[in-house]
Amino acid sequence: MGIPKAERESLAGVGAQYDSEVVYHSLQDELKEQGVVYLDMDTALKTHEDIVKKYFMTLIRPGDHKFAALHGAVWSGGSFVYVPEGVQVDIPLQSYFRLNAK
């Protein structure tokens, strides 16, 4: 995919998922040391459950409309990003998702 080369050159972190399965995920050590979390959702739930519970579905709430409610009920895969207050991420994080289903 060429992800490691692109990551070294211009990304703070990168994740790739194929049919909701993680095939690659990385974050610069400097950002990890500052408390930045950039993980696939399944791993984030296992390792940072408190942060995920605090923020998941708070920007767009399930009661906003039926599609938000559906997403909250049946989500699969995805990326979780948490940047602590006072920390700045100056270069992008990027996630790639590929689905083969019609």
PDB file of N, CA and C in Angstrom:
ATOM      1  N   MET A   1       0.816  -1.195   0.000  1.00  0.00           N
ATOM      2  CA  MET A   1       0.000   0.000   0.000  1.00  0.00           C
ATOM      3  C   MET A   1       0.860   1.259   0.000  1.00  0.00           C
ATOM      4  N   GLY A   2       2.098   1.154   0.409  1.00  0.00           N
ATOM      5  CA  GLY A   2       2.949   2.321   0.469  1.00  0.00           C
ATOM      6  C   GLY A   2       2.706   3.180   1.695  1.00  0.00           C
ATOM      7  N   ILE A   3       1.964   2.675   2.661  1.00  0.00           N
ATOM      8  CA  ILE A   3       1.620   3.465   3.836  1.00  0.00           C
ATOM      9  C   ILE A   3       2.855   3.841   4.657  1.00  0.00           C
ATOM     10  N   PRO A   4       3.768   2.917   4.976  1.00  0.00           N
ATOM     11  CA  PRO A   4       4.905   3.318   5.809  1.00  0.00           C
ATOM     12  C   PRO A   4       5.718   4.469   5.213  1.00  0.00           C
ATOM     13  N   LYS A   5       5.933   4.480   3.910  1.00  0.00           N
ATOM     14  CA  LYS A   5       6.687   5.564   3.276  1.00  0.00           C
ATOM     15  C   LYS A   5       5.928   6.884   3.413  1.00  0.00           C
ATOM     16  N   ALA A   6       4.649   6.882   3.119  1.00  0.00           N
ATOM     17  CA  ALA A   6       3.832   8.096   3.233  1.00  0.00           C
ATOM     18  C   ALA A   6       3.806   8.579   4.682  1.00  0.00           C
ATOM     19  N   GLU A   7       3.712   7.632   5.601  1.00  0.00           N
ATOM     20  CA  GLU A   7       3.672   7.983   7.021  1.00  0.00           C
ATOM     21  C   GLU A   7       4.956   8.689   7.438  1.00  0.00           C
ATOM     22  N   ARG A   8       6.068   8.158   7.060  1.00  0.00           N
ATOM     23  CA  ARG A   8       7.346   8.770   7.425  1.00  0.00           C
ATOM     24  C   ARG A   8       7.480  10.176   6.858  1.00  0.00           C
ATOM     25  N   GLU A   9       6.917  10.394   5.694  1.00  0.00           N
ATOM     26  CA  GLU A   9       7.101  11.672   5.022  1.00  0.00           C
ATOM     27  C   GLU A   9       6.117  12.750   5.458  1.00  0.00           C
ATOM     28  N   SER A  10       4.868  12.385   5.738  1.00  0.00           N
ATOM     29  CA  SER A  10       3.913  13.474   5.932  1.00  0.00           C
ATOM     30  C   SER A  10       2.759  13.196   6.893  1.00  0.00           C
ATOM     31  N   LEU A  11       2.770  12.088   7.628  1.00  0.00           N
ATOM     32  CA  LEU A  11       1.648  11.791   8.510  1.00  0.00           C
ATOM     33  C   LEU A  11       2.113  11.551   9.942  1.00  0.00           C
ATOM     34  N   ALA A  12       1.328  12.011  10.902  1.00  0.00           N
ATOM     35  CA  ALA A  12       1.622  11.758  12.314  1.00  0.00           C
ATOM     36  C   ALA A  12       1.241  10.337  12.687  1.00  0.00           C
ATOM     37  N   GLY A  13       0.278   9.782  11.975  1.00  0.00           N
ATOM     38  CA  GLY A  13      -0.180   8.429  12.229  1.00  0.00           C
ATOM     39  C   GLY A  13      -1.068   7.990  11.094  1.00  0.00           C
ATOM     40  N   VAL A  14      -1.199   6.676  10.964  1.00  0.00           N
ATOM     41  CA  VAL A  14      -2.011   6.141   9.883  1.00  0.00           C
ATOM     42  C   VAL A  14      -2.631   4.818  10.315  1.00  0.00           C
ATOM     43  N   GLY A  15      -3.847   4.583   9.845  1.00  0.00           N
ATOM     44  CA  GLY A  15      -4.528   3.325  10.110  1.00  0.00           C
ATOM     45  C   GLY A  15      -5.160   2.817   8.833  1.00  0.00           C
ATOM     46  N   ALA A  16      -5.204   1.499   8.699  1.00  0.00           N
ATOM     47  CA  ALA A  16      -5.843   0.899   7.530  1.00  0.00           C
ATOM     48  C   ALA A  16      -6.705  -0.266   7.998  1.00  0.00           C
ATOM     49  N   GLN A  17      -7.941  -0.292   7.489  1.00  0.00           N
ATOM     50  CA  GLN A  17      -8.862  -1.378   7.809  1.00  0.00           C
ATOM     51  C   GLN A  17      -9.447  -1.935   6.525  1.00  0.00           C
ATOM     52  N   TYR A  18      -9.563  -3.245   6.507  1.00  0.00           N
ATOM     53  CA  TYR A  18     -10.097  -3.961   5.355  1.00  0.00           C
ATOM     54  C   TYR A  18     -11.292  -4.756   5.854  1.00  0.00           C
ATOM     55  N   ASP A  19     -12.488  -4.398   5.392  1.00  0.00           N
ATOM     56  CA  ASP A  19     -13.724  -5.014   5.878  1.00  0.00           C
ATOM     57  C   ASP A  19     -13.792  -5.012   7.406  1.00  0.00           C
ATOM     58  N   SER A  20     -13.515  -3.873   8.016  1.00  0.00           N
ATOM     59  CA  SER A  20     -13.563  -3.644   9.460  1.00  0.00           C
ATOM     60  C   SER A  20     -12.474  -4.374  10.247  1.00  0.00           C
ATOM     61  N   GLU A  21     -11.536  -5.013   9.582  1.00  0.00           N
ATOM     62  CA  GLU A  21     -10.419  -5.667  10.254  1.00  0.00           C
ATOM     63  C   GLU A  21      -9.178  -4.791  10.113  1.00  0.00           C
ATOM     64  N   VAL A  22      -8.461  -4.588  11.202  1.00  0.00           N
ATOM     65  CA  VAL A  22      -7.265  -3.755  11.179  1.00  0.00           C
ATOM     66  C   VAL A  22      -6.144  -4.499  10.457  1.00  0.00           C
ATOM     67  N   VAL A  23      -5.546  -3.837   9.471  1.00  0.00           N
ATOM     68  CA  VAL A  23      -4.386  -4.417   8.785  1.00  0.00           C
ATOM     69  C   VAL A  23      -3.124  -3.617   9.077  1.00  0.00           C
ATOM     70  N   TYR A  24      -3.271  -2.389   9.556  1.00  0.00           N
ATOM     71  CA  TYR A  24      -2.106  -1.565   9.883  1.00  0.00           C
ATOM     72  C   TYR A  24      -2.564  -0.399  10.741  1.00  0.00           C
ATOM     73  N   HIS A  25      -1.800  -0.073  11.770  1.00  0.00           N
ATOM     74  CA  HIS A  25      -2.105   1.101  12.585  1.00  0.00           C
ATOM     75  C   HIS A  25      -0.824   1.566  13.248  1.00  0.00           C
ATOM     76  N   SER A  26      -0.576   2.875  13.207  1.00  0.00           N
ATOM     77  CA  SER A  26       0.650   3.412  13.761  1.00  0.00           C
ATOM     78  C   SER A  26       0.448   4.861  14.184  1.00  0.00           C
ATOM     79  N   LEU A  27       1.220   5.282  15.178  1.00  0.00           N
ATOM     80  CA  LEU A  27       1.213   6.660  15.642  1.00  0.00           C
ATOM     81  C   LEU A  27       2.634   7.005  16.059  1.00  0.00           C
ATOM     82  N   GLN A  28       3.077   8.213  15.741  1.00  0.00           N
ATOM     83  CA  GLN A  28       4.430   8.635  16.112  1.00  0.00           C
ATOM     84  C   GLN A  28       4.615   8.552  17.628  1.00  0.00           C
ATOM     85  N   ASP A  29       5.789   8.057  18.042  1.00  0.00           N
ATOM     86  CA  ASP A  29       6.084   7.907  19.468  1.00  0.00           C
ATOM     87  C   ASP A  29       5.964   9.223  20.228  1.00  0.00           C
ATOM     88  N   GLU A  30       6.373  10.319  19.621  1.00  0.00           N
ATOM     89  CA  GLU A  30       6.299  11.635  20.266  1.00  0.00           C
ATOM     90  C   GLU A  30       4.863  11.966  20.680  1.00  0.00           C
ATOM     91  N   LEU A  31       3.892  11.634  19.819  1.00  0.00           N
ATOM     92  CA  LEU A  31       2.485  11.905  20.140  1.00  0.00           C
ATOM     93  C   LEU A  31       1.974  10.960  21.221  1.00  0.00           C
ATOM     94  N   LYS A  32       2.384   9.695  21.162  1.00  0.00           N
ATOM     95  CA  LYS A  32       1.992   8.742  22.212  1.00  0.00           C
ATOM     96  C   LYS A  32       2.448   9.253  23.575  1.00  0.00           C
ATOM     97  N   GLU A  33       3.691   9.748  23.629  1.00  0.00           N
ATOM     98  CA  GLU A  33       4.252  10.249  24.888  1.00  0.00           C
ATOM     99  C   GLU A  33       3.485  11.451  25.419  1.00  0.00           C
ATOM    100  N   GLN A  34       2.813  12.189  24.547  1.00  0.00           N
ATOM    101  CA  GLN A  34       2.017  13.352  24.954  1.00  0.00           C
ATOM    102  C   GLN A  34       0.577  12.966  25.298  1.00  0.00           C
ATOM    103  N   GLY A  35       0.249  11.672  25.195  1.00  0.00           N
ATOM    104  CA  GLY A  35      -1.077  11.199  25.566  1.00  0.00           C
ATOM    105  C   GLY A  35      -2.069  11.098  24.431  1.00  0.00           C
ATOM    106  N   VAL A  36      -1.630  11.330  23.200  1.00  0.00           N
ATOM    107  CA  VAL A  36      -2.531  11.201  22.054  1.00  0.00           C
ATOM    108  C   VAL A  36      -2.866   9.728  21.857  1.00  0.00           C
ATOM    109  N   VAL A  37      -4.135   9.461  21.605  1.00  0.00           N
ATOM    110  CA  VAL A  37      -4.599   8.098  21.333  1.00  0.00           C
ATOM    111  C   VAL A  37      -5.144   8.072  19.911  1.00  0.00           C
ATOM    112  N   TYR A  38      -4.608   7.175  19.102  1.00  0.00           N
ATOM    113  CA  TYR A  38      -5.104   6.981  17.732  1.00  0.00           C
ATOM    114  C   TYR A  38      -5.076   5.481  17.476  1.00  0.00           C
ATOM    115  N   LEU A  39      -6.253   4.870  17.585  1.00  0.00           N
ATOM    116  CA  LEU A  39      -6.373   3.412  17.510  1.00  0.00           C
ATOM    117  C   LEU A  39      -7.629   3.031  16.744  1.00  0.00           C
ATOM    118  N   ASP A  40      -7.687   1.781  16.333  1.00  0.00           N
ATOM    119  CA  ASP A  40      -8.954   1.256  15.820  1.00  0.00           C
ATOM    120  C   ASP A  40      -9.916   1.169  17.003  1.00  0.00           C
ATOM    121  N   MET A  41     -11.202   1.231  16.740  1.00  0.00           N
ATOM    122  CA  MET A  41     -12.209   1.276  17.807  1.00  0.00           C
ATOM    123  C   MET A  41     -12.150   0.055  18.726  1.00  0.00           C
ATOM    124  N   ASP A  42     -11.959  -1.129  18.178  1.00  0.00           N
ATOM    125  CA  ASP A  42     -11.926  -2.328  19.021  1.00  0.00           C
ATOM    126  C   ASP A  42     -10.790  -2.256  20.034  1.00  0.00           C
ATOM    127  N   THR A  43      -9.603  -1.864  19.594  1.00  0.00           N
ATOM    128  CA  THR A  43      -8.463  -1.750  20.499  1.00  0.00           C
ATOM    129  C   THR A  43      -8.675  -0.617  21.490  1.00  0.00           C
ATOM    130  N   ALA A  44      -9.216   0.506  21.024  1.00  0.00           N
ATOM    131  CA  ALA A  44      -9.470   1.641  21.916  1.00  0.00           C
ATOM    132  C   ALA A  44     -10.423   1.244  23.042  1.00  0.00           C
ATOM    133  N   LEU A  45     -11.446   0.466  22.728  1.00  0.00           N
ATOM    134  CA  LEU A  45     -12.383   0.016  23.761  1.00  0.00           C
ATOM    135  C   LEU A  45     -11.698  -0.868  24.796  1.00  0.00           C
ATOM    136  N   LYS A  46     -10.742  -1.666  24.367  1.00  0.00           N
ATOM    137  CA  LYS A  46     -10.041  -2.560  25.292  1.00  0.00           C
ATOM    138  C   LYS A  46      -9.009  -1.822  26.136  1.00  0.00           C
ATOM    139  N   THR A  47      -8.315  -0.855  25.545  1.00  0.00           N
ATOM    140  CA  THR A  47      -7.191  -0.224  26.239  1.00  0.00           C
ATOM    141  C   THR A  47      -7.502   1.154  26.823  1.00  0.00           C
ATOM    142  N   HIS A  48      -8.555   1.803  26.333  1.00  0.00           N
ATOM    143  CA  HIS A  48      -8.919   3.151  26.805  1.00  0.00           C
ATOM    144  C   HIS A  48     -10.435   3.261  26.965  1.00  0.00           C
ATOM    145  N   GLU A  49     -11.023   2.271  27.604  1.00  0.00           N
ATOM    146  CA  GLU A  49     -12.480   2.212  27.726  1.00  0.00           C
ATOM    147  C   GLU A  49     -13.068   3.480  28.344  1.00  0.00           C
ATOM    148  N   ASP A  50     -12.402   4.033  29.339  1.00  0.00           N
ATOM    149  CA  ASP A  50     -12.929   5.223  30.014  1.00  0.00           C
ATOM    150  C   ASP A  50     -13.030   6.413  29.061  1.00  0.00           C
ATOM    151  N   ILE A  51     -12.024   6.616  28.222  1.00  0.00           N
ATOM    152  CA  ILE A  51     -12.046   7.750  27.286  1.00  0.00           C
ATOM    153  C   ILE A  51     -13.089   7.515  26.197  1.00  0.00           C
ATOM    154  N   VAL A  52     -13.169   6.300  25.678  1.00  0.00           N
ATOM    155  CA  VAL A  52     -14.153   6.004  24.627  1.00  0.00           C
ATOM    156  C   VAL A  52     -15.563   6.219  25.166  1.00  0.00           C
ATOM    157  N   LYS A  53     -15.845   5.697  26.350  1.00  0.00           N
ATOM    158  CA  LYS A  53     -17.179   5.871  26.930  1.00  0.00           C
ATOM    159  C   LYS A  53     -17.520   7.344  27.141  1.00  0.00           C
ATOM    160  N   LYS A  54     -16.521   8.133  27.497  1.00  0.00           N
ATOM    161  CA  LYS A  54     -16.765   9.559  27.753  1.00  0.00           C
ATOM    162  C   LYS A  54     -17.140  10.314  26.478  1.00  0.00           C
ATOM    163  N   TYR A  55     -16.529   9.932  25.327  1.00  0.00           N
ATOM    164  CA  TYR A  55     -16.698  10.744  24.118  1.00  0.00           C
ATOM    165  C   TYR A  55     -17.488  10.099  22.978  1.00  0.00           C
ATOM    166  N   PHE A  56     -17.613   8.780  22.942  1.00  0.00           N
ATOM    167  CA  PHE A  56     -18.276   8.118  21.814  1.00  0.00           C
ATOM    168  C   PHE A  56     -19.737   8.547  21.719  1.00  0.00           C
ATOM    169  N   MET A  57     -20.136   8.949  20.522  1.00  0.00           N
ATOM    170  CA  MET A  57     -21.516   9.358  20.212  1.00  0.00           C
ATOM    171  C   MET A  57     -21.934  10.635  20.954  1.00  0.00           C
ATOM    172  N   THR A  58     -20.978  11.524  21.258  1.00  0.00           N
ATOM    173  CA  THR A  58     -21.340  12.778  21.924  1.00  0.00           C
ATOM    174  C   THR A  58     -21.436  13.947  20.948  1.00  0.00           C
ATOM    175  N   LEU A  59     -20.740  13.884  19.836  1.00  0.00           N
ATOM    176  CA  LEU A  59     -20.814  14.967  18.854  1.00  0.00           C
ATOM    177  C   LEU A  59     -22.126  14.884  18.074  1.00  0.00           C
ATOM    178  N   ILE A  60     -22.418  13.715  17.579  1.00  0.00           N
ATOM    179  CA  ILE A  60     -23.709  13.448  16.930  1.00  0.00           C
ATOM    180  C   ILE A  60     -24.375  12.375  17.782  1.00  0.00           C
ATOM    181  N   ARG A  61     -25.424  12.749  18.458  1.00  0.00           N
ATOM    182  CA  ARG A  61     -26.073  11.853  19.424  1.00  0.00           C
ATOM    183  C   ARG A  61     -27.097  10.948  18.742  1.00  0.00           C
ATOM    184  N   PRO A  62     -27.309   9.759  19.300  1.00  0.00           N
ATOM    185  CA  PRO A  62     -28.272   8.823  18.714  1.00  0.00           C
ATOM    186  C   PRO A  62     -29.662   9.414  18.539  1.00  0.00           C
ATOM    187  N   GLY A  63     -30.060  10.347  19.389  1.00  0.00           N
ATOM    188  CA  GLY A  63     -31.379  10.960  19.289  1.00  0.00           C
ATOM    189  C   GLY A  63     -31.489  12.021  18.205  1.00  0.00           C
ATOM    190  N   ASP A  64     -30.375  12.364  17.554  1.00  0.00           N
ATOM    191  CA  ASP A  64     -30.414  13.409  16.523  1.00  0.00           C
ATOM    192  C   ASP A  64     -31.241  13.003  15.314  1.00  0.00           C
ATOM    193  N   HIS A  65     -31.089  11.779  14.858  1.00  0.00           N
ATOM    194  CA  HIS A  65     -31.893  11.256  13.753  1.00  0.00           C
ATOM    195  C   HIS A  65     -31.697   9.748  13.658  1.00  0.00           C
ATOM    196  N   LYS A  66     -32.495   9.082  12.837  1.00  0.00           N
ATOM    197  CA  LYS A  66     -32.496   7.620  12.805  1.00  0.00           C
ATOM    198  C   LYS A  66     -31.160   7.030  12.344  1.00  0.00           C
ATOM    199  N   PHE A  67     -30.431   7.731  11.484  1.00  0.00           N
ATOM    200  CA  PHE A  67     -29.160   7.187  11.016  1.00  0.00           C
ATOM    201  C   PHE A  67     -28.085   7.268  12.100  1.00  0.00           C
ATOM    202  N   ALA A  68     -28.147   8.307  12.923  1.00  0.00           N
ATOM    203  CA  ALA A  68     -27.226   8.385  14.056  1.00  0.00           C
ATOM    204  C   ALA A  68     -27.526   7.268  15.052  1.00  0.00           C
ATOM    205  N   ALA A  69     -28.794   7.012  15.296  1.00  0.00           N
ATOM    206  CA  ALA A  69     -29.187   5.926  16.194  1.00  0.00           C
ATOM    207  C   ALA A  69     -28.746   4.573  15.636  1.00  0.00           C
ATOM    208  N   LEU A  70     -28.915   4.378  14.347  1.00  0.00           N
ATOM    209  CA  LEU A  70     -28.493   3.128  13.713  1.00  0.00           C
ATOM    210  C   LEU A  70     -26.982   2.945  13.842  1.00  0.00           C
ATOM    211  N   HIS A  71     -26.231   4.011  13.596  1.00  0.00           N
ATOM    212  CA  HIS A  71     -24.777   3.944  13.729  1.00  0.00           C
ATOM    213  C   HIS A  71     -24.382   3.553  15.153  1.00  0.00           C
ATOM    214  N   GLY A  72     -25.006   4.172  16.140  1.00  0.00           N
ATOM    215  CA  GLY A  72     -24.694   3.866  17.531  1.00  0.00           C
ATOM    216  C   GLY A  72     -25.006   2.434  17.903  1.00  0.00           C
ATOM    217  N   ALA A  73     -26.000   1.856  17.256  1.00  0.00           N
ATOM    218  CA  ALA A  73     -26.415   0.490  17.570  1.00  0.00           C
ATOM    219  C   ALA A  73     -25.585  -0.579  16.868  1.00  0.00           C
ATOM    220  N   VAL A  74     -25.121  -0.303  15.654  1.00  0.00           N
ATOM    221  CA  VAL A  74     -24.490  -1.382  14.878  1.00  0.00           C
ATOM    222  C   VAL A  74     -23.125  -1.010  14.298  1.00  0.00           C
ATOM    223  N   TRP A  75     -22.401  -0.064  14.871  1.00  0.00           N
ATOM    224  CA  TRP A  75     -21.112   0.336  14.316  1.00  0.00           C
ATOM    225  C   TRP A  75     -20.167  -0.857  14.252  1.00  0.00           C
ATOM    226  N   SER A  76     -19.274  -0.766  13.302  1.00  0.00           N
ATOM    227  CA  SER A  76     -18.274  -1.817  13.109  1.00  0.00           C
ATOM    228  C   SER A  76     -17.007  -1.172  12.573  1.00  0.00           C
ATOM    229  N   GLY A  77     -15.895  -1.399  13.237  1.00  0.00           N
ATOM    230  CA  GLY A  77     -14.645  -0.804  12.785  1.00  0.00           C
ATOM    231  C   GLY A  77     -14.596   0.673  13.099  1.00  0.00           C
ATOM    232  N   GLY A  78     -13.698   1.352  12.444  1.00  0.00           N
ATOM    233  CA  GLY A  78     -13.544   2.784  12.649  1.00  0.00           C
ATOM    234  C   GLY A  78     -12.290   3.109  13.429  1.00  0.00           C
ATOM    235  N   SER A  79     -12.006   4.395  13.539  1.00  0.00           N
ATOM    236  CA  SER A  79     -10.836   4.876  14.255  1.00  0.00           C
ATOM    237  C   SER A  79     -11.273   5.752  15.420  1.00  0.00           C
ATOM    238  N   PHE A  80     -10.504   5.717  16.491  1.00  0.00           N
ATOM    239  CA  PHE A  80     -10.746   6.556  17.651  1.00  0.00           C
ATOM    240  C   PHE A  80      -9.547   7.476  17.826  1.00  0.00           C
ATOM    241  N   VAL A  81      -9.812   8.767  17.931  1.00  0.00           N
ATOM    242  CA  VAL A  81      -8.751   9.759  18.107  1.00  0.00           C
ATOM    243  C   VAL A  81      -9.059  10.561  19.369  1.00  0.00           C
ATOM    244  N   TYR A  82      -8.062  10.668  20.235  1.00  0.00           N
ATOM    245  CA  TYR A  82      -8.168  11.500  21.438  1.00  0.00           C
ATOM    246  C   TYR A  82      -6.899  12.327  21.541  1.00  0.00           C
ATOM    247  N   VAL A  83      -7.057  13.637  21.631  1.00  0.00           N
ATOM    248  CA  VAL A  83      -5.931  14.553  21.795  1.00  0.00           C
ATOM    249  C   VAL A  83      -6.165  15.297  23.105  1.00  0.00           C
ATOM    250  N   PRO A  84      -5.295  15.085  24.097  1.00  0.00           N
ATOM    251  CA  PRO A  84      -5.490  15.746  25.387  1.00  0.00           C
ATOM    252  C   PRO A  84      -5.456  17.266  25.259  1.00  0.00           C
ATOM    253  N   GLU A  85      -6.151  17.922  26.168  1.00  0.00           N
ATOM    254  CA  GLU A  85      -6.157  19.377  26.196  1.00  0.00           C
ATOM    255  C   GLU A  85      -4.724  19.887  26.324  1.00  0.00           C
ATOM    256  N   GLY A  86      -4.401  20.894  25.520  1.00  0.00           N
ATOM    257  CA  GLY A  86      -3.077  21.483  25.549  1.00  0.00           C
ATOM    258  C   GLY A  86      -2.070  20.841  24.609  1.00  0.00           C
ATOM    259  N   VAL A  87      -2.454  19.732  23.983  1.00  0.00           N
ATOM    260  CA  VAL A  87      -1.576  19.055  23.022  1.00  0.00           C
ATOM    261  C   VAL A  87      -2.034  19.426  21.624  1.00  0.00           C
ATOM    262  N   GLN A  88      -1.092  19.683  20.755  1.00  0.00           N
ATOM    263  CA  GLN A  88      -1.421  20.032  19.378  1.00  0.00           C
ATOM    264  C   GLN A  88      -0.789  19.010  18.439  1.00  0.00           C
ATOM    265  N   VAL A  89      -1.578  18.501  17.503  1.00  0.00           N
ATOM    266  CA  VAL A  89      -1.086  17.597  16.457  1.00  0.00           C
ATOM    267  C   VAL A  89      -0.964  18.442  15.193  1.00  0.00           C
ATOM    268  N   ASP A  90       0.259  18.687  14.765  1.00  0.00           N
ATOM    269  CA  ASP A  90       0.501  19.608  13.657  1.00  0.00           C
ATOM    270  C   ASP A  90       0.428  18.977  12.278  1.00  0.00           C
ATOM    271  N   ILE A  91       0.621  17.672  12.184  1.00  0.00           N
ATOM    272  CA  ILE A  91       0.510  17.017  10.879  1.00  0.00           C
ATOM    273  C   ILE A  91      -0.597  15.974  10.962  1.00  0.00           C
ATOM    274  N   PRO A  92      -1.206  15.629   9.825  1.00  0.00           N
ATOM    275  CA  PRO A  92      -2.433  14.831   9.839  1.00  0.00           C
ATOM    276  C   PRO A  92      -2.268  13.386  10.316  1.00  0.00           C
ATOM    277  N   LEU A  93      -3.378  12.880  10.823  1.00  0.00           N
ATOM    278  CA  LEU A  93      -3.592  11.455  11.021  1.00  0.00           C
ATOM    279  C   LEU A  93      -4.468  11.024   9.851  1.00  0.00           C
ATOM    280  N   GLN A  94      -4.263   9.836   9.347  1.00  0.00           N
ATOM    281  CA  GLN A  94      -5.076   9.414   8.206  1.00  0.00           C
ATOM    282  C   GLN A  94      -5.509   7.969   8.382  1.00  0.00           C
ATOM    283  N   SER A  95      -6.779   7.720   8.095  1.00  0.00           N
ATOM    284  CA  SER A  95      -7.329   6.367   8.154  1.00  0.00           C
ATOM    285  C   SER A  95      -7.815   5.959   6.769  1.00  0.00           C
ATOM    286  N   TYR A  96      -7.527   4.724   6.422  1.00  0.00           N
ATOM    287  CA  TYR A  96      -7.979   4.153   5.154  1.00  0.00           C
ATOM    288  C   TYR A  96      -8.945   3.021   5.471  1.00  0.00           C
ATOM    289  N   PHE A  97     -10.063   2.989   4.765  1.00  0.00           N
ATOM    290  CA  PHE A  97     -11.055   1.931   4.964  1.00  0.00           C
ATOM    291  C   PHE A  97     -11.396   1.339   3.595  1.00  0.00           C
ATOM    292  N   ARG A  98     -11.397   0.014   3.533  1.00  0.00           N
ATOM    293  CA  ARG A  98     -11.791  -0.641   2.294  1.00  0.00           C
ATOM    294  C   ARG A  98     -12.836  -1.699   2.615  1.00  0.00           C
ATOM    295  N   LEU A  99     -13.948  -1.643   1.911  1.00  0.00           N
ATOM    296  CA  LEU A  99     -15.018  -2.627   2.056  1.00  0.00           C
ATOM    297  C   LEU A  99     -15.221  -3.314   0.712  1.00  0.00           C
ATOM    298  N   ASN A 100     -15.337  -4.606   0.750  1.00  0.00           N
ATOM    299  CA  ASN A 100     -15.530  -5.352  -0.493  1.00  0.00           C
ATOM    300  C   ASN A 100     -16.993  -5.720  -0.741  1.00  0.00           C
ATOM    301  N   ALA A 101     -17.839  -5.529   0.244  1.00  0.00           N
ATOM    302  CA  ALA A 101     -19.252  -5.864   0.061  1.00  0.00           C
ATOM    303  C   ALA A 101     -19.917  -4.913  -0.919  1.00  0.00           C
ATOM    304  N   LYS A 102     -20.853  -5.411  -1.686  1.00  0.00           N
ATOM    305  CA  LYS A 102     -21.602  -4.568  -2.611  1.00  0.00           C
ATOM    306  C   LYS A 102     -22.469  -3.632  -1.839  1.00  0.00           C
TER     307      LYS A 102
END
